[in-house]
Amino acid sequence: MNGRFGIYNPLQGWKSGDLHADATVFVVLNRSSTVGENLVCVSPSLASDKEVDEVIDQMIKDIEKVRREAKRVLKMQLNKLHGISNIGSASQ
């Protein structure tokens, strides 16, 4: 996924019939840097209200994409774990 946030799917390589596990995903940072006492930065330096609004608005868009992708991946995993081959789109 593009954007600051993403999904890690630990079962990505699994196929139907492989060992069973719980369906899980992780929301991860695709990009970050650190400042100060190893604080993780999720934005560039912001110097105005406009910059703050633009960056936060983009983060909200990114995280909404991650929400949809996480639900899609979980549904796909559950379908594999239960042997269902017809995968539809996940609800939002």
N, C-alpha and C. Protein backbone atom coordinates (compact mmCIF):
# COMPACT_ATOMS: atom_id res chain seq x y z
N MET A 1 0.84 -1.18 0.00
CA MET A 1 0.00 0.00 0.00
C MET A 1 0.88 1.24 0.00
N ASN A 2 0.46 2.22 -0.75
CA ASN A 2 1.12 3.52 -0.71
C ASN A 2 0.64 4.28 0.51
N GLY A 3 1.32 5.32 0.85
CA GLY A 3 0.91 6.13 1.99
C GLY A 3 1.77 5.85 3.20
N ARG A 4 1.51 6.59 4.24
CA ARG A 4 2.29 6.51 5.46
C ARG A 4 2.01 5.22 6.24
N PHE A 5 0.79 4.72 6.17
CA PHE A 5 0.39 3.54 6.90
C PHE A 5 0.16 2.38 5.94
N GLY A 6 0.25 1.17 6.46
CA GLY A 6 0.04 0.00 5.62
C GLY A 6 -0.44 -1.18 6.44
N ILE A 7 -0.53 -2.32 5.78
CA ILE A 7 -0.99 -3.56 6.40
C ILE A 7 0.11 -4.59 6.25
N TYR A 8 0.39 -5.31 7.33
CA TYR A 8 1.25 -6.49 7.27
C TYR A 8 0.37 -7.70 7.47
N ASN A 9 0.44 -8.62 6.52
CA ASN A 9 -0.37 -9.84 6.55
C ASN A 9 0.56 -11.02 6.83
N PRO A 10 0.61 -11.51 8.08
CA PRO A 10 1.54 -12.60 8.39
C PRO A 10 1.20 -13.92 7.70
N LEU A 11 0.00 -14.05 7.19
CA LEU A 11 -0.42 -15.29 6.53
C LEU A 11 -0.45 -15.15 5.02
N GLN A 12 0.22 -14.16 4.48
CA GLN A 12 0.14 -13.85 3.06
C GLN A 12 0.44 -15.05 2.16
N GLY A 13 1.43 -15.86 2.50
CA GLY A 13 1.81 -16.97 1.65
C GLY A 13 1.01 -18.24 1.88
N TRP A 14 0.08 -18.22 2.80
CA TRP A 14 -0.69 -19.42 3.12
C TRP A 14 -1.71 -19.72 2.05
N LYS A 15 -2.01 -21.00 1.91
CA LYS A 15 -3.03 -21.47 0.97
C LYS A 15 -4.08 -22.25 1.74
N SER A 16 -5.23 -22.39 1.14
CA SER A 16 -6.28 -23.18 1.76
C SER A 16 -5.74 -24.58 2.06
N GLY A 17 -5.98 -25.03 3.29
CA GLY A 17 -5.50 -26.35 3.69
C GLY A 17 -4.19 -26.32 4.46
N ASP A 18 -3.49 -25.20 4.48
CA ASP A 18 -2.28 -25.08 5.29
C ASP A 18 -2.68 -25.11 6.77
N LEU A 19 -1.67 -25.15 7.63
CA LEU A 19 -1.95 -25.18 9.06
C LEU A 19 -2.87 -24.03 9.46
N HIS A 20 -3.76 -24.30 10.38
CA HIS A 20 -4.73 -23.29 10.80
C HIS A 20 -4.12 -22.33 11.81
N ALA A 21 -4.51 -21.09 11.73
CA ALA A 21 -4.13 -20.04 12.67
C ALA A 21 -5.26 -19.02 12.69
N ASP A 22 -5.22 -18.14 13.65
CA ASP A 22 -6.21 -17.08 13.68
C ASP A 22 -5.91 -16.08 12.57
N ALA A 23 -6.95 -15.56 11.95
CA ALA A 23 -6.78 -14.53 10.93
C ALA A 23 -6.37 -13.23 11.62
N THR A 24 -5.24 -12.67 11.22
CA THR A 24 -4.76 -11.43 11.82
C THR A 24 -4.09 -10.55 10.78
N VAL A 25 -4.10 -9.26 11.04
CA VAL A 25 -3.32 -8.30 10.27
C VAL A 25 -2.74 -7.30 11.26
N PHE A 26 -1.71 -6.59 10.83
CA PHE A 26 -1.11 -5.52 11.62
C PHE A 26 -1.16 -4.23 10.83
N VAL A 27 -1.49 -3.12 11.47
CA VAL A 27 -1.36 -1.81 10.86
C VAL A 27 0.07 -1.37 11.16
N VAL A 28 0.80 -0.99 10.10
CA VAL A 28 2.21 -0.64 10.24
C VAL A 28 2.49 0.74 9.66
N LEU A 29 3.64 1.28 10.02
CA LEU A 29 4.12 2.51 9.41
C LEU A 29 4.97 2.12 8.21
N ASN A 30 4.62 2.61 7.04
CA ASN A 30 5.44 2.39 5.85
C ASN A 30 6.66 3.29 5.85
N ARG A 31 6.48 4.49 6.40
CA ARG A 31 7.57 5.48 6.44
C ARG A 31 7.57 6.14 7.80
N SER A 32 8.76 6.37 8.32
CA SER A 32 8.88 7.13 9.56
C SER A 32 10.32 7.58 9.71
N SER A 33 10.53 8.45 10.65
CA SER A 33 11.87 8.86 11.05
C SER A 33 11.81 9.10 12.55
N THR A 34 12.93 9.38 13.16
CA THR A 34 12.94 9.61 14.60
C THR A 34 13.55 10.98 14.91
N VAL A 35 13.13 11.52 16.03
CA VAL A 35 13.68 12.77 16.55
C VAL A 35 13.84 12.64 18.05
N GLY A 36 14.61 13.53 18.64
CA GLY A 36 14.73 13.57 20.09
C GLY A 36 15.10 12.23 20.69
N GLU A 37 14.33 11.82 21.65
CA GLU A 37 14.56 10.57 22.39
C GLU A 37 13.98 9.38 21.63
N ASN A 38 14.37 9.22 20.38
CA ASN A 38 13.89 8.13 19.53
C ASN A 38 12.37 8.12 19.38
N LEU A 39 11.77 9.30 19.35
CA LEU A 39 10.34 9.41 19.08
C LEU A 39 10.11 9.16 17.60
N VAL A 40 9.11 8.37 17.27
CA VAL A 40 8.80 8.07 15.87
C VAL A 40 7.98 9.22 15.29
N CYS A 41 8.47 9.78 14.20
CA CYS A 41 7.75 10.85 13.50
C CYS A 41 6.88 10.25 12.41
N VAL A 42 5.65 10.71 12.33
CA VAL A 42 4.77 10.26 11.25
C VAL A 42 4.43 11.42 10.32
N SER A 43 5.12 12.55 10.50
CA SER A 43 4.92 13.69 9.61
C SER A 43 6.24 14.43 9.46
N PRO A 44 6.31 15.26 8.41
CA PRO A 44 7.45 16.18 8.34
C PRO A 44 7.26 17.28 9.37
N SER A 45 8.22 18.15 9.50
CA SER A 45 8.10 19.32 10.36
C SER A 45 6.98 20.21 9.82
N LEU A 46 6.07 20.63 10.70
CA LEU A 46 4.92 21.43 10.29
C LEU A 46 5.03 22.82 10.90
N ALA A 47 4.86 23.87 10.08
CA ALA A 47 5.10 25.23 10.54
C ALA A 47 3.90 26.17 10.40
N SER A 48 2.75 25.64 10.01
CA SER A 48 1.56 26.51 9.89
C SER A 48 0.30 25.67 10.06
N ASP A 49 -0.80 26.35 10.35
CA ASP A 49 -2.09 25.66 10.45
C ASP A 49 -2.41 24.93 9.16
N LYS A 50 -2.10 25.57 8.02
CA LYS A 50 -2.39 24.96 6.72
C LYS A 50 -1.60 23.66 6.55
N GLU A 51 -0.32 23.67 6.92
CA GLU A 51 0.48 22.45 6.82
C GLU A 51 -0.07 21.35 7.73
N VAL A 52 -0.44 21.73 8.96
CA VAL A 52 -1.01 20.75 9.89
C VAL A 52 -2.27 20.14 9.29
N ASP A 53 -3.17 20.98 8.79
CA ASP A 53 -4.42 20.47 8.20
C ASP A 53 -4.16 19.56 7.01
N GLU A 54 -3.25 19.95 6.13
CA GLU A 54 -2.96 19.14 4.94
C GLU A 54 -2.40 17.77 5.32
N VAL A 55 -1.45 17.76 6.24
CA VAL A 55 -0.82 16.49 6.63
C VAL A 55 -1.82 15.60 7.37
N ILE A 56 -2.57 16.16 8.30
CA ILE A 56 -3.54 15.35 9.05
C ILE A 56 -4.65 14.85 8.13
N ASP A 57 -5.13 15.69 7.21
CA ASP A 57 -6.14 15.24 6.25
C ASP A 57 -5.63 14.06 5.43
N GLN A 58 -4.38 14.13 4.99
CA GLN A 58 -3.80 13.03 4.21
C GLN A 58 -3.66 11.78 5.08
N MET A 59 -3.27 11.95 6.33
CA MET A 59 -3.17 10.80 7.24
C MET A 59 -4.53 10.11 7.41
N ILE A 60 -5.57 10.92 7.54
CA ILE A 60 -6.93 10.36 7.68
C ILE A 60 -7.29 9.57 6.43
N LYS A 61 -7.00 10.11 5.25
CA LYS A 61 -7.27 9.38 4.00
C LYS A 61 -6.48 8.07 3.97
N ASP A 62 -5.19 8.15 4.35
CA ASP A 62 -4.35 6.94 4.36
C ASP A 62 -4.90 5.89 5.31
N ILE A 63 -5.28 6.30 6.50
CA ILE A 63 -5.74 5.33 7.50
C ILE A 63 -7.09 4.73 7.10
N GLU A 64 -7.92 5.49 6.40
CA GLU A 64 -9.19 4.93 5.89
C GLU A 64 -8.92 3.87 4.83
N LYS A 65 -7.91 4.09 3.98
CA LYS A 65 -7.52 3.07 3.01
C LYS A 65 -7.03 1.82 3.73
N VAL A 66 -6.26 2.03 4.79
CA VAL A 66 -5.75 0.90 5.57
C VAL A 66 -6.90 0.13 6.21
N ARG A 67 -7.91 0.83 6.70
CA ARG A 67 -9.08 0.16 7.29
C ARG A 67 -9.73 -0.78 6.27
N ARG A 68 -9.95 -0.26 5.05
CA ARG A 68 -10.58 -1.08 4.01
C ARG A 68 -9.70 -2.28 3.64
N GLU A 69 -8.39 -2.04 3.51
CA GLU A 69 -7.47 -3.12 3.15
C GLU A 69 -7.38 -4.17 4.25
N ALA A 70 -7.34 -3.74 5.51
CA ALA A 70 -7.28 -4.68 6.63
C ALA A 70 -8.51 -5.58 6.63
N LYS A 71 -9.67 -5.01 6.41
CA LYS A 71 -10.91 -5.81 6.37
C LYS A 71 -10.90 -6.77 5.19
N ARG A 72 -10.40 -6.32 4.04
CA ARG A 72 -10.32 -7.18 2.87
C ARG A 72 -9.39 -8.36 3.13
N VAL A 73 -8.21 -8.08 3.71
CA VAL A 73 -7.23 -9.12 3.99
C VAL A 73 -7.76 -10.10 5.03
N LEU A 74 -8.40 -9.61 6.08
CA LEU A 74 -8.98 -10.51 7.09
C LEU A 74 -10.03 -11.42 6.48
N LYS A 75 -10.87 -10.86 5.63
CA LYS A 75 -11.91 -11.68 4.98
C LYS A 75 -11.26 -12.75 4.11
N MET A 76 -10.22 -12.37 3.37
CA MET A 76 -9.50 -13.32 2.52
C MET A 76 -8.89 -14.43 3.38
N GLN A 77 -8.27 -14.07 4.50
CA GLN A 77 -7.67 -15.07 5.38
C GLN A 77 -8.73 -16.02 5.93
N LEU A 78 -9.83 -15.46 6.41
CA LEU A 78 -10.90 -16.31 6.95
C LEU A 78 -11.44 -17.26 5.89
N ASN A 79 -11.58 -16.76 4.66
CA ASN A 79 -12.05 -17.63 3.58
C ASN A 79 -11.07 -18.77 3.33
N LYS A 80 -9.77 -18.47 3.35
CA LYS A 80 -8.76 -19.52 3.17
C LYS A 80 -8.80 -20.52 4.31
N LEU A 81 -8.90 -20.01 5.54
CA LEU A 81 -8.90 -20.89 6.71
C LEU A 81 -10.12 -21.80 6.74
N HIS A 82 -11.22 -21.32 6.20
CA HIS A 82 -12.46 -22.11 6.19
C HIS A 82 -12.71 -22.79 4.85
N GLY A 83 -11.76 -22.68 3.93
CA GLY A 83 -11.85 -23.37 2.64
C GLY A 83 -12.88 -22.80 1.69
N ILE A 84 -13.21 -21.54 1.82
CA ILE A 84 -14.17 -20.91 0.93
C ILE A 84 -13.41 -20.30 -0.23
N SER A 85 -13.77 -20.64 -1.46
CA SER A 85 -13.01 -20.13 -2.60
C SER A 85 -13.61 -18.87 -3.21
N ASN A 86 -14.87 -18.55 -2.92
CA ASN A 86 -15.50 -17.38 -3.50
C ASN A 86 -15.30 -16.19 -2.57
N ILE A 87 -14.36 -15.31 -2.90
CA ILE A 87 -14.03 -14.17 -2.06
C ILE A 87 -14.69 -12.93 -2.61
N GLY A 88 -15.55 -12.30 -1.81
CA GLY A 88 -16.19 -11.05 -2.20
C GLY A 88 -15.48 -9.88 -1.61
N SER A 89 -16.00 -8.68 -1.82
CA SER A 89 -15.37 -7.48 -1.24
C SER A 89 -15.84 -7.32 0.19
N ALA A 90 -14.93 -6.83 1.04
CA ALA A 90 -15.23 -6.64 2.45
C ALA A 90 -16.10 -5.40 2.63
N SER A 91 -16.96 -5.44 3.64
CA SER A 91 -17.75 -4.26 3.94
C SER A 91 -16.90 -3.26 4.66
N GLN A 92 -17.30 -1.99 4.61
CA GLN A 92 -16.52 -0.93 5.25
C GLN A 92 -17.03 -0.65 6.63
